[in-house]
Each structure stands twice: as structure tokens, then as C-alpha cells.
Protein backbone atom coordinates (compact mmCIF):
# COMPACT_ATOMS: atom_id res chain seq x y z
CA MET A 1 120.64 108.56 85.18
CA LYS A 2 122.46 109.10 88.47
CA VAL A 3 120.81 112.22 89.84
CA ASP A 4 122.27 111.52 93.29
CA SER A 5 125.74 112.15 91.87
CA PHE A 6 124.95 114.32 88.88
CA ASP A 7 128.30 115.95 88.18
CA GLU A 8 129.77 117.23 84.91
CA ALA A 9 130.89 113.74 83.89
CA GLU A 10 127.35 112.35 84.33
CA ASN A 11 125.95 115.34 82.47
CA GLU A 12 128.23 114.62 79.51
CA ARG A 13 127.48 110.89 79.60
CA VAL A 14 123.73 111.44 79.43
CA ARG A 15 124.01 114.09 76.71
CA ARG A 16 126.17 111.75 74.65
CA ILE A 17 123.60 108.94 74.87
CA PHE A 18 120.84 111.16 73.57
CA ALA A 19 123.03 112.62 70.85
CA GLU A 20 124.07 109.18 69.63
CA THR A 21 120.54 107.76 69.61
CA GLY A 22 118.76 110.80 68.24
CA LEU A 23 116.29 110.71 71.13
CA THR A 24 114.89 113.64 73.08
CA LEU A 25 114.74 113.79 76.88
CA SER A 26 111.19 114.97 77.57
CA SER A 27 111.02 114.31 81.30
CA ILE A 28 113.01 112.95 84.23
CA ALA A 29 110.78 110.47 86.04
CA TYR A 30 110.74 109.78 89.76
CA TYR A 31 107.35 108.36 90.59
CA GLU A 32 107.42 107.97 94.35
CA ASN A 33 105.14 108.82 97.27
CA ASN A 34 105.86 112.42 98.25
CA LEU A 35 103.47 112.14 101.23
CA HIS A 36 104.88 108.90 102.63
CA PRO A 37 104.59 109.12 106.44
CA GLU A 38 108.23 108.10 107.04
CA ARG A 39 110.09 108.52 103.75
CA GLY A 40 108.42 111.71 102.57
CA PRO A 41 111.33 114.11 103.23
CA GLU A 42 113.75 111.71 101.55
CA VAL A 43 111.48 111.50 98.48
CA ASN A 44 111.07 115.28 98.39
CA ALA A 45 114.85 115.73 98.47
CA HIS A 46 115.27 113.32 95.55
CA VAL A 47 112.68 115.28 93.55
CA ARG A 48 114.86 118.35 94.04
CA ARG A 49 117.90 116.45 92.75
CA CYS A 50 115.88 115.42 89.70
CA VAL A 51 115.02 119.08 89.14
CA ASP A 52 118.71 120.01 89.33
CA ALA A 53 119.57 117.35 86.74
CA ALA A 54 116.71 118.43 84.47
CA ALA A 55 117.83 122.05 84.62
CA ALA A 56 121.42 121.08 83.76
CA LEU A 57 120.26 118.98 80.79
CA GLY A 58 117.67 121.42 79.49
CA CYS A 59 114.88 118.93 80.20
CA PRO A 60 111.56 120.78 80.61
CA THR A 61 109.80 118.57 83.16
CA VAL A 62 110.23 116.30 86.16
CA GLY A 63 107.47 113.78 86.73
CA THR A 64 106.37 112.48 90.11
CA PHE A 65 103.28 111.54 92.17
CA ILE A 66 101.42 113.43 94.85
CA GLY A 67 101.16 110.24 96.86
CA ARG A 68 99.24 109.70 100.08
CA ASP A 69 99.64 108.95 103.77
CA PRO A 70 97.21 106.02 104.17
CA GLY A 71 96.77 106.85 107.85
CA LEU A 72 95.19 110.23 107.11
CA THR A 73 91.93 111.30 105.50
CA VAL A 74 91.96 112.61 101.95
CA ARG A 75 91.37 116.18 103.17
CA ASP A 76 94.25 115.96 105.64
CA ASN A 77 96.48 114.56 102.90
CA LEU A 78 95.61 117.45 100.61
CA LYS A 79 96.55 119.93 103.32
CA ARG A 80 99.87 118.13 103.83
CA ALA A 81 100.46 118.13 100.08
CA GLU A 82 100.04 121.89 99.91
CA ASP A 83 102.79 122.27 102.51
CA VAL A 84 105.05 119.78 100.69
CA PHE A 85 104.54 120.86 97.08
CA GLY A 86 104.55 124.61 97.56
CA PRO A 87 108.32 124.64 98.18
CA LEU A 88 108.94 121.96 95.52
CA VAL A 89 107.12 123.98 92.84
CA GLU A 90 108.99 127.12 93.89
CA TYR A 91 112.31 125.23 93.67
CA ALA A 92 111.51 123.85 90.20
CA THR A 93 110.16 127.14 88.82
CA ALA A 94 113.29 128.98 89.88
CA ARG A 95 115.29 126.54 87.73
CA GLY A 96 113.04 126.68 84.68
CA VAL A 97 111.55 123.21 85.24
CA GLU A 98 107.89 122.20 85.56
CA LEU A 99 106.74 119.50 87.98
CA VAL A 100 104.24 117.18 86.29
CA ILE A 101 102.00 114.76 88.16
CA GLU A 102 100.75 111.57 86.54
CA ASN A 103 97.11 110.62 87.16
CA CYS A 104 97.96 107.04 88.13
CA VAL A 105 95.80 105.64 90.95
CA MET A 106 98.60 103.67 92.69
CA LYS A 107 96.25 101.36 94.62
CA SER A 108 99.23 99.37 95.88
CA TRP A 109 100.17 102.26 98.19
CA HIS A 110 97.01 101.83 100.24
CA PRO A 111 96.50 98.74 102.47
CA ASP A 112 92.95 98.25 101.13
CA GLY A 113 93.70 99.13 97.51
CA TYR A 114 92.14 102.60 97.57
CA PRO A 115 93.76 105.40 95.57
CA GLY A 116 97.28 105.99 96.83
CA ASN A 117 98.09 108.94 94.56
CA LEU A 118 95.77 111.89 95.08
CA ALA A 119 95.86 113.06 91.48
CA TYR A 120 93.64 110.47 89.85
CA SER A 121 90.57 112.54 88.89
CA PRO A 122 89.74 115.92 87.34
CA GLU A 123 88.47 117.10 90.72
CA LEU A 124 91.96 116.59 92.14
CA TRP A 125 93.63 118.00 89.03
CA GLU A 126 91.90 121.33 89.66
CA TRP A 127 93.24 121.33 93.21
CA MET A 128 96.83 120.57 92.17
CA PHE A 129 96.80 123.15 89.34
CA GLY A 130 96.23 125.71 92.08
CA LEU A 131 99.59 124.69 93.53
CA GLY A 132 101.38 125.36 90.25
CA LEU A 133 101.68 121.68 89.31
CA LYS A 134 101.07 120.43 85.75
CA LEU A 135 99.49 117.20 84.57
CA ASN A 136 101.25 114.25 82.97
CA TYR A 137 98.10 112.94 81.26
CA ASP A 138 97.70 109.17 80.97
CA PRO A 139 94.31 108.06 79.63
CA SER A 140 94.75 104.41 80.63
CA HIS A 141 94.09 105.17 84.30
CA LEU A 142 90.89 107.05 83.52
CA VAL A 143 89.44 104.03 81.71
CA ALA A 144 90.10 101.99 84.86
CA LEU A 145 88.05 104.50 86.88
CA GLY A 146 85.08 104.64 84.50
CA ILE A 147 86.03 108.17 83.37
CA ASP A 148 85.83 109.16 79.70
CA PRO A 149 89.46 110.10 78.83
CA VAL A 150 88.41 112.74 76.29
CA ALA A 151 85.72 114.36 78.44
CA ALA A 152 88.20 114.53 81.33
CA LEU A 153 90.99 115.85 79.13
CA THR A 154 89.29 118.65 77.21
CA PRO A 155 88.91 121.38 79.88
CA TYR A 156 92.45 121.02 81.19
CA ILE A 157 94.68 120.95 78.11
CA PRO A 158 96.44 124.24 79.01
CA HIS A 159 97.62 122.54 82.22
CA ILE A 160 99.06 119.45 80.49
CA ALA A 161 102.86 119.47 80.11
CA HIS A 162 103.44 115.83 79.16
CA VAL A 163 101.35 112.96 77.75
CA GLN A 164 101.84 109.22 78.30
CA ALA A 165 100.42 106.84 75.72
CA LYS A 166 99.22 103.66 77.42
CA ASP A 167 96.05 101.69 76.80
CA THR A 168 93.68 99.70 79.02
CA GLN A 169 91.93 96.48 78.07
CA ILE A 170 88.79 95.62 80.02
CA LEU A 171 88.58 91.89 80.71
CA PRO A 172 85.12 90.56 79.80
CA GLY A 173 82.94 89.66 82.77
CA ALA A 174 85.50 90.42 85.45
CA ILE A 175 84.07 93.77 86.51
CA ASP A 176 80.76 92.07 87.30
CA ARG A 177 82.60 90.05 89.94
CA TYR A 178 84.95 92.67 91.39
CA GLY A 179 83.51 96.11 90.60
CA TYR A 180 85.65 99.18 89.93
CA HIS A 181 87.64 98.77 93.15
CA GLY A 182 88.88 95.35 92.04
CA PRO A 183 89.41 92.18 94.09
CA ILE A 184 90.21 92.17 97.80
CA SER A 185 93.85 91.50 96.92
CA GLY A 186 94.09 95.10 95.74
CA GLU A 187 95.14 93.99 92.25
CA LYS A 188 93.55 95.33 89.07
CA GLY A 189 91.46 92.20 88.53
CA TRP A 190 89.12 93.34 85.77
CA TYR A 191 91.50 95.20 83.43
CA ARG A 192 95.09 95.17 82.25
CA PHE A 193 97.37 97.73 80.62
CA ARG A 194 98.19 97.36 76.93
CA VAL A 195 100.23 99.23 74.34
CA PRO A 196 98.22 101.84 72.41
CA GLY A 197 95.83 100.23 69.98
CA LEU A 198 95.09 97.07 71.97
CA GLY A 199 92.68 98.49 74.53
CA GLN A 200 89.63 100.70 74.97
CA VAL A 201 91.24 104.15 74.51
CA ASP A 202 90.10 105.96 71.36
CA TRP A 203 93.45 107.42 70.34
CA THR A 204 92.02 109.34 67.39
CA ARG A 205 89.74 111.28 69.72
CA VAL A 206 92.44 111.74 72.38
CA ILE A 207 95.09 113.09 70.02
CA ASP A 208 92.56 115.22 68.15
CA ALA A 209 91.36 116.77 71.41
CA LEU A 210 94.93 117.51 72.45
CA TYR A 211 95.70 119.29 69.17
CA GLU A 212 92.40 121.16 69.14
CA GLY A 213 93.15 122.41 72.64
CA GLY A 214 96.61 123.66 71.64
CA TYR A 215 98.84 120.93 73.07
CA ASP A 216 102.10 120.68 71.12
CA GLY A 217 104.24 118.61 73.47
CA VAL A 218 105.46 115.05 73.69
CA VAL A 219 103.34 111.88 73.42
CA SER A 220 105.51 109.28 75.17
CA VAL A 221 104.68 105.57 74.97
CA GLU A 222 104.64 103.87 78.37
CA HIS A 223 105.09 100.13 77.84
CA GLU A 224 103.42 98.01 80.56
CA ASP A 225 101.81 95.44 78.27
CA PRO A 226 102.09 91.92 79.76
CA VAL A 227 101.55 90.28 76.37
CA TRP A 228 104.39 92.15 74.69
CA SER A 229 106.91 91.75 77.52
CA GLY A 230 109.44 89.18 78.64
CA SER A 231 112.12 89.60 75.99
CA PRO A 232 113.71 92.44 74.01
CA GLU A 233 112.04 91.12 70.87
CA LYS A 234 108.58 91.18 72.43
CA VAL A 235 109.08 94.64 73.90
CA GLN A 236 110.21 95.94 70.52
CA ALA A 237 107.18 94.35 68.83
CA GLY A 238 104.90 96.03 71.38
CA LEU A 239 106.54 99.38 70.73
CA CYS A 240 106.04 98.86 67.00
CA ILE A 241 102.32 98.29 67.58
CA ALA A 242 102.18 101.53 69.54
CA TYR A 243 104.10 103.35 66.82
CA ARG A 244 101.75 102.14 64.08
CA THR A 245 98.75 103.18 66.18
CA LEU A 246 99.98 106.69 66.92
CA ARG A 247 102.28 107.73 64.07
CA HIS A 248 99.55 108.80 61.66
CA LEU A 249 97.90 110.85 64.43
CA VAL A 250 100.92 112.65 65.90
CA GLN A 251 102.37 115.53 63.92
CA GLY A 252 106.12 116.22 63.78
């Protein structure tokens, strides 16, 4: 989608694609660093263009990251984020769109592999809810932090506006070498992402908790499985595994 030049022709083109495929546009995704020390204003402006496109298409959410300036402390970053996201939330709300933040750690945004997206834990979720932001809940990242996805999820279901279905497989023995922070390269090291059903996430408990808490939104498969990648046939097979895992749990 060309949100930088989202005119009537682009609007019609996108609507036609969804009409022809029978798909639903649940969110416009722009997962960039909104607190980047140099590119921050440029990223913030693109978020606004995504909001404009979402409003024109009747799409309920725009997804992005909080991000981080690696040269500042966490507390200083949170103060900066309040100044950045206050106007963004106001802009989105005025257009009937919710900004949703995914709880991805984004270690690659920090030179030493520390969390580069300050929305990775329930402690930070509570802070961002106070800014009017919603959560795009992805349990795979919680597994990689040693957090129980269901225990983390349950108190905050009213603040969840989108759900991503991705799994995490823990690689036997690797965590004993690297620990939760991973190897010095900053890579994952001791885990890898999988399609739902091939990792540690208990999808029955996750989906049940969502329904019990009143969530009635989208569960969107995010495919980052290295085993089921590399060709259209493999990607489709991976999506079929995810579908078989989730279909009997998701209503509608």
C-alpha cells in the first residue's frame, strides 16, 4: 500500500484487492522506531500518513513500535515517548483510528542487543495505556523473555486491539550457554520463531483467555518461521499448519 501517495486511485486499488480476495484489512503496519534520534520525526510523519490511509479505508488500527533512542536511559526515553505519542494518539483518535503497539523486543535496534522497543513487558504496557495506546499482543516475544503469555495477557485484555499469532521454539541447551539476553552478536541464539503449533505457546490457553476476557477482534498469523520459508509452497504449508492449529479455537 502506498500511503505516501494515498489518493483516490490508490484507495480504489486497495479496496478492489480486498474485495476480490475476500480478505479483511485489520491493521496497517508500520513497525519503525518512533524514538530514533535522527529519523524520529520522519517516522512519526509516516505514522500519520498510515492513519490517514486507515481512516479512508475504514481500517480500525495502525500498528507501530514505541522504539528507543539507544543513547538515552529508559526513563529519558519514556519521557520522550510521552511527548511524541501524545500528538500521534490525538491525531489518530480524531480520525477514528487506534494506534496499536506490538510487544516485540527489537534487540537489533540497540548496539548491545538490549530491548530496542520499550513496549516489551506488562510494566511498560501499563505506562503506554496511560498515553491512549493499545496493545498488539504477540505471545511469541513473551516466551523469549521468560514471561508466561497467559499470565501477562489476562489483566490487560480490555486494552488489546489486535492479536498476532506467532510461536516460539526454545532450542534445547542453548539458553544454558547464552542466557535470556542471547549471544554477544545480539541475535536470538537460544530460540527461534515458528508458526503457531510448532513452539512453546499454549494456544488453547491463550485463545481461551482472550475470549473469557471479552476480546472479539482479529487473530492474525505472523509468519516468520525459518523452516516453512524460502518458497511460496513452503510459506503456504506453514500457513496451513497455523490454520489447523488455530481454526478450532477461533470463533467466526
